[in-house]
Amino acid sequence: MAAQFDAVAEATGAFTKLFQKRNWLVALPVLAGQILAGFLAFMVVFAALGPAIFKQIVTGSETPEISPWQIGFFAVGITLVVLFALAVNAFVYGWTLVAAEPIWAGGDPAFDRGFNRAAASLLQLIAFQILILLITIASLLIIVGPIIVGVLAIYGPPYIVLGGRSATHAIGDSFRLASENLSETVILVLAFTVVAIGAIVPMLILSFIPIVGLIAQIAIQGVFTGYTALAVVRFYGLLSARAEAPPIAIVPTTSV
C-alpha cells in the first residue's frame, strides 16, 4: 500500500526541526565516532612513521628511513582502523536513529535508549553494512547499480534498531518499502543531495584554515548525519505505518 503524504514538506521539516530547541545535539554520537576514529588513525600513523620522521628532522636527511617493518605495521594498523571505523559508524548511526525518534513527538534526543539499542543490534548493523557492500560491488555491472542499492537500502538500519529485524530481513524489508514508495524515497535522497551540496561550500572555504577547517568539517558532517537520521526516521515511520495498515474493507452492496 503506497503512502500518501507531502514528502517535500517532510524532508524540509526535518531540516528545520534539527535546529529547534536542542535537537542538534542528536549529531553528538556521530561527532564522537568521527573524533575517535580520527584519533586512532593519527596514533597508528604516529606510531608507525613518527620515529622515522622525527629522525629525519633531527638529522636533516632528505628522505626518512622507513623500514619494511614500519610499512607493514602501518598497513596492518590502517586496515584495523578502517574496520574499526566501519563498526563505529554502524554503531553511532544506529544510536542516532533511535535517539532521533522522540524528537518527532516533541521530546529530546533519547541518547541512553539509543546507545542501548545500538549496542544490542551492533552485530546486525555490521552484518547489514557488509551485505550491502557486497551487493553494491555486485551491482557495479550496471552503471547506476550502486545508486539503486543505496536508495533501496536506506531504511535498513531503522528496520534493525527500531523494528528489531535481522540484517537479511532488514535488507528485504527496506528494498520492499523503498520500491513500493519510490517517489517519496527519491525525494528523500534528493533532499540529502541538496543539503550535502550546500554543506560542501563552507567546508571548502574553511578547509584552508588548518585547525578551524578540520573542526568545521567534523561539525558539518555531524550535523548532516543528524539531519539524515531525523529524516530517515520520519520517512520510515510514515511509510512503514501506511504499508502495514490493514486495507479498508469493501462491503458488497446488496439489492433490496
Protein backbone atom coordinates (compact mmCIF):
# COMPACT_ATOMS: atom_id res chain seq x y z
CA MET A 1 0.00 0.00 0.00
CA ALA A 2 1.68 3.25 -1.13
CA ALA A 3 1.94 6.06 1.35
CA GLN A 4 0.40 9.44 0.53
CA PHE A 5 1.98 12.47 2.19
CA ASP A 6 3.93 15.58 1.25
CA ALA A 7 7.45 14.19 1.03
CA VAL A 8 8.99 17.57 0.19
CA ALA A 9 7.42 19.18 3.25
CA GLU A 10 8.55 16.30 5.48
CA ALA A 11 12.13 16.45 4.20
CA THR A 12 12.21 20.22 4.67
CA GLY A 13 10.59 19.93 8.09
CA ALA A 14 13.30 17.53 9.21
CA PHE A 15 15.98 20.12 8.45
CA THR A 16 14.03 22.82 10.30
CA LYS A 17 13.39 20.58 13.30
CA LEU A 18 17.10 19.78 13.60
CA PHE A 19 17.76 23.38 14.69
CA GLN A 20 14.79 23.69 17.04
CA LYS A 21 15.35 23.51 20.81
CA ARG A 22 18.36 21.25 21.44
CA ASN A 23 17.63 18.81 18.65
CA TRP A 24 21.00 19.49 17.02
CA LEU A 25 22.53 17.52 19.89
CA VAL A 26 21.38 14.39 18.08
CA ALA A 27 24.57 14.77 15.99
CA LEU A 28 26.81 14.21 19.04
CA PRO A 29 27.19 10.41 18.65
CA VAL A 30 28.42 10.88 15.09
CA LEU A 31 30.84 13.60 16.15
CA ALA A 32 32.19 11.37 18.91
CA GLY A 33 32.65 8.49 16.48
CA GLN A 34 34.50 10.65 13.96
CA ILE A 35 36.81 12.06 16.62
CA LEU A 36 37.55 8.57 17.97
CA ALA A 37 38.29 7.13 14.52
CA GLY A 38 40.45 10.14 13.61
CA PHE A 39 42.39 9.86 16.87
CA LEU A 40 43.10 6.16 16.31
CA ALA A 41 44.23 6.82 12.73
CA PHE A 42 46.58 9.55 13.98
CA MET A 43 48.01 7.22 16.63
CA VAL A 44 48.70 4.50 14.04
CA VAL A 45 50.43 6.94 11.70
CA PHE A 46 52.43 8.42 14.58
CA ALA A 47 53.46 5.01 15.94
CA ALA A 48 54.48 3.66 12.53
CA LEU A 49 56.08 6.68 10.87
CA GLY A 50 56.66 9.11 13.72
CA PRO A 51 60.15 7.87 14.72
CA ALA A 52 61.40 7.94 11.11
CA ILE A 53 60.03 11.44 10.51
CA PHE A 54 61.46 12.69 13.81
CA LYS A 55 64.87 11.21 12.92
CA GLN A 56 64.72 12.93 9.54
CA ILE A 57 64.04 16.28 11.20
CA VAL A 58 66.86 15.84 13.73
CA THR A 59 69.49 14.57 11.28
CA GLY A 60 68.41 16.80 8.40
CA SER A 61 68.33 13.92 5.92
CA GLU A 62 66.36 14.43 2.70
CA THR A 63 64.21 11.29 2.95
CA PRO A 64 63.05 9.46 6.08
CA GLU A 65 64.43 5.97 6.69
CA ILE A 66 61.34 3.75 6.81
CA SER A 67 61.90 0.05 7.34
CA PRO A 68 59.73 -2.71 5.84
CA TRP A 69 58.56 -3.50 9.39
CA GLN A 70 57.25 0.04 9.77
CA ILE A 71 55.46 -0.17 6.41
CA GLY A 72 53.87 -3.47 7.41
CA PHE A 73 52.85 -2.10 10.80
CA PHE A 74 51.34 0.94 9.10
CA ALA A 75 49.38 -1.17 6.60
CA VAL A 76 48.01 -3.52 9.25
CA GLY A 77 47.24 -0.66 11.60
CA ILE A 78 45.37 1.37 8.99
CA THR A 79 43.40 -1.72 7.94
CA LEU A 80 42.33 -2.33 11.53
CA VAL A 81 41.43 1.34 11.97
CA VAL A 82 39.27 1.24 8.82
CA LEU A 83 37.45 -1.88 10.04
CA PHE A 84 37.02 -0.33 13.46
CA ALA A 85 35.75 2.90 11.87
CA LEU A 86 33.14 0.94 9.89
CA ALA A 87 31.93 -0.72 13.10
CA VAL A 88 31.87 2.62 14.91
CA ASN A 89 29.98 4.21 12.03
CA ALA A 90 27.35 1.47 12.13
CA PHE A 91 27.02 1.84 15.89
CA VAL A 92 26.76 5.65 16.04
CA TYR A 93 24.32 5.79 13.12
CA GLY A 94 22.05 3.26 14.82
CA TRP A 95 22.46 5.21 18.05
CA THR A 96 21.50 8.44 16.28
CA LEU A 97 18.45 6.88 14.62
CA VAL A 98 16.97 5.72 17.91
CA ALA A 99 17.91 8.97 19.64
CA ALA A 100 16.15 10.96 16.90
CA GLU A 101 12.82 9.15 17.15
CA PRO A 102 11.40 11.04 20.19
CA ILE A 103 12.18 14.40 18.56
CA TRP A 104 9.22 13.97 16.24
CA ALA A 105 6.96 13.65 19.30
CA GLY A 106 8.33 16.90 20.76
CA GLY A 107 10.82 15.25 23.11
CA ASP A 108 14.58 15.46 23.49
CA PRO A 109 17.04 13.06 21.85
CA ALA A 110 16.96 9.69 23.65
CA PHE A 111 20.70 9.11 23.91
CA ASP A 112 20.51 6.44 26.60
CA ARG A 113 17.90 4.35 24.80
CA GLY A 114 19.72 4.90 21.51
CA PHE A 115 23.03 3.69 22.95
CA ASN A 116 21.49 0.55 24.44
CA ARG A 117 19.52 -0.29 21.30
CA ALA A 118 22.52 0.26 19.02
CA ALA A 119 24.75 -1.85 21.28
CA ALA A 120 22.23 -4.68 21.26
CA SER A 121 21.92 -4.51 17.45
CA LEU A 122 25.60 -3.92 16.69
CA LEU A 123 26.28 -7.29 15.07
CA GLN A 124 23.23 -6.94 12.84
CA LEU A 125 24.22 -3.38 11.89
CA ILE A 126 27.73 -4.53 10.94
CA ALA A 127 26.34 -7.51 9.02
CA PHE A 128 23.99 -5.13 7.20
CA GLN A 129 26.91 -2.93 6.14
CA ILE A 130 28.91 -5.92 4.91
CA LEU A 131 25.99 -7.37 2.95
CA ILE A 132 25.15 -4.03 1.37
CA LEU A 133 28.82 -3.58 0.44
CA LEU A 134 28.82 -6.97 -1.29
CA ILE A 135 25.55 -6.21 -3.09
CA THR A 136 26.96 -2.83 -4.15
CA ILE A 137 30.09 -4.48 -5.56
CA ALA A 138 27.95 -6.95 -7.48
CA SER A 139 25.80 -4.09 -8.79
CA LEU A 140 28.83 -2.44 -10.42
CA LEU A 141 27.93 -4.44 -13.52
CA ILE A 142 25.30 -1.74 -14.02
CA ILE A 143 26.47 1.88 -14.14
CA VAL A 144 23.78 3.14 -11.77
CA GLY A 145 23.75 -0.07 -9.74
CA PRO A 146 25.36 1.35 -6.55
CA ILE A 147 22.96 4.30 -6.60
CA ILE A 148 19.96 1.98 -6.86
CA VAL A 149 21.26 -0.17 -3.99
CA GLY A 150 21.86 2.91 -1.84
CA VAL A 151 18.34 4.18 -2.42
CA LEU A 152 16.66 0.83 -1.77
CA ALA A 153 18.73 0.12 1.36
CA ILE A 154 18.05 3.47 3.03
CA TYR A 155 15.51 2.07 5.50
CA GLY A 156 17.62 -0.94 6.51
CA PRO A 157 19.21 0.48 9.70
CA PRO A 158 15.85 1.73 11.07
CA TYR A 159 14.38 -1.72 10.50
CA ILE A 160 17.22 -3.14 12.62
CA VAL A 161 17.32 -0.71 15.55
CA LEU A 162 13.65 0.31 15.58
CA GLY A 163 11.96 -2.74 14.10
CA GLY A 164 14.15 -5.43 15.65
CA ARG A 165 14.83 -7.10 12.31
CA SER A 166 17.91 -9.08 11.37
CA ALA A 167 20.34 -7.80 8.75
CA THR A 168 18.98 -10.02 5.98
CA HIS A 169 15.35 -9.29 6.81
CA ALA A 170 16.13 -5.56 7.07
CA ILE A 171 17.56 -5.58 3.54
CA GLY A 172 14.47 -7.27 2.15
CA ASP A 173 12.09 -5.03 4.10
CA SER A 174 13.97 -1.87 3.08
CA PHE A 175 14.04 -2.85 -0.59
CA ARG A 176 10.31 -3.57 -0.46
CA LEU A 177 9.40 -0.36 1.40
CA ALA A 178 11.54 1.84 -0.84
CA SER A 179 10.31 0.26 -4.07
CA GLU A 180 6.66 0.48 -3.02
CA ASN A 181 7.15 4.16 -2.13
CA LEU A 182 9.72 5.05 -4.75
CA SER A 183 8.70 8.66 -5.36
CA GLU A 184 8.84 9.57 -1.65
CA THR A 185 12.17 7.79 -1.23
CA VAL A 186 13.71 9.50 -4.26
CA ILE A 187 12.61 12.88 -2.87
CA LEU A 188 14.28 11.98 0.43
CA VAL A 189 17.54 11.10 -1.34
CA LEU A 190 17.37 14.30 -3.41
CA ALA A 191 16.93 16.29 -0.18
CA PHE A 192 20.09 14.68 1.18
CA THR A 193 21.90 15.57 -2.04
CA VAL A 194 20.85 19.22 -1.87
CA VAL A 195 21.91 19.53 1.78
CA ALA A 196 25.21 17.79 1.06
CA ILE A 197 25.97 20.14 -1.83
CA GLY A 198 25.11 23.11 0.37
CA ALA A 199 27.47 21.80 3.06
CA ILE A 200 30.37 21.43 0.64
CA VAL A 201 30.67 25.20 0.09
CA PRO A 202 31.51 26.21 3.72
CA MET A 203 33.67 23.10 4.08
CA LEU A 204 35.77 24.12 1.08
CA ILE A 205 36.05 27.71 2.27
CA LEU A 206 37.08 26.76 5.80
CA SER A 207 39.39 23.94 4.66
CA PHE A 208 42.14 26.50 4.01
CA ILE A 209 42.27 27.29 7.73
CA PRO A 210 44.28 24.40 9.26
CA ILE A 211 42.61 23.64 12.61
CA VAL A 212 39.38 25.56 12.13
CA GLY A 213 38.79 23.79 8.81
CA LEU A 214 39.12 20.35 10.39
CA ILE A 215 36.78 21.24 13.25
CA ALA A 216 34.26 22.74 10.83
CA GLN A 217 34.40 19.66 8.61
CA ILE A 218 33.69 17.32 11.53
CA ALA A 219 30.88 19.57 12.80
CA ILE A 220 29.22 19.90 9.37
CA GLN A 221 29.42 16.17 8.73
CA GLY A 222 27.91 15.52 12.16
CA VAL A 223 25.03 17.93 11.54
CA PHE A 224 24.42 16.40 8.11
CA THR A 225 24.24 12.91 9.63
CA GLY A 226 21.89 14.26 12.30
CA TYR A 227 19.60 15.59 9.59
CA THR A 228 19.83 12.29 7.73
CA ALA A 229 18.82 10.37 10.85
CA LEU A 230 15.89 12.70 11.56
CA ALA A 231 14.57 12.48 8.00
CA VAL A 232 15.08 8.73 7.64
CA VAL A 233 13.32 8.04 10.95
CA ARG A 234 10.41 10.24 9.86
CA PHE A 235 10.02 8.64 6.45
CA TYR A 236 10.50 5.16 7.89
CA GLY A 237 7.75 5.76 10.44
CA LEU A 238 5.31 7.23 7.95
CA LEU A 239 5.93 4.72 5.20
CA SER A 240 6.00 1.60 7.36
CA ALA A 241 2.86 2.66 9.24
CA ARG A 242 0.97 3.14 5.99
CA ALA A 243 2.38 -0.04 4.47
CA GLU A 244 1.33 -2.14 7.47
CA ALA A 245 -2.12 -0.55 7.78
CA PRO A 246 -4.93 -3.04 7.08
CA PRO A 247 -6.79 -2.45 3.85
CA ILE A 248 -10.21 -0.84 4.00
CA ALA A 249 -12.89 -3.48 3.91
CA ILE A 250 -15.21 -3.18 0.95
CA VAL A 251 -18.75 -4.12 1.87
CA PRO A 252 -20.60 -5.52 -1.10
CA THR A 253 -23.81 -3.80 -1.96
CA THR A 254 -26.96 -5.84 -1.64
CA SER A 255 -30.10 -5.30 -3.56
CA VAL A 256 -33.26 -4.75 -1.62
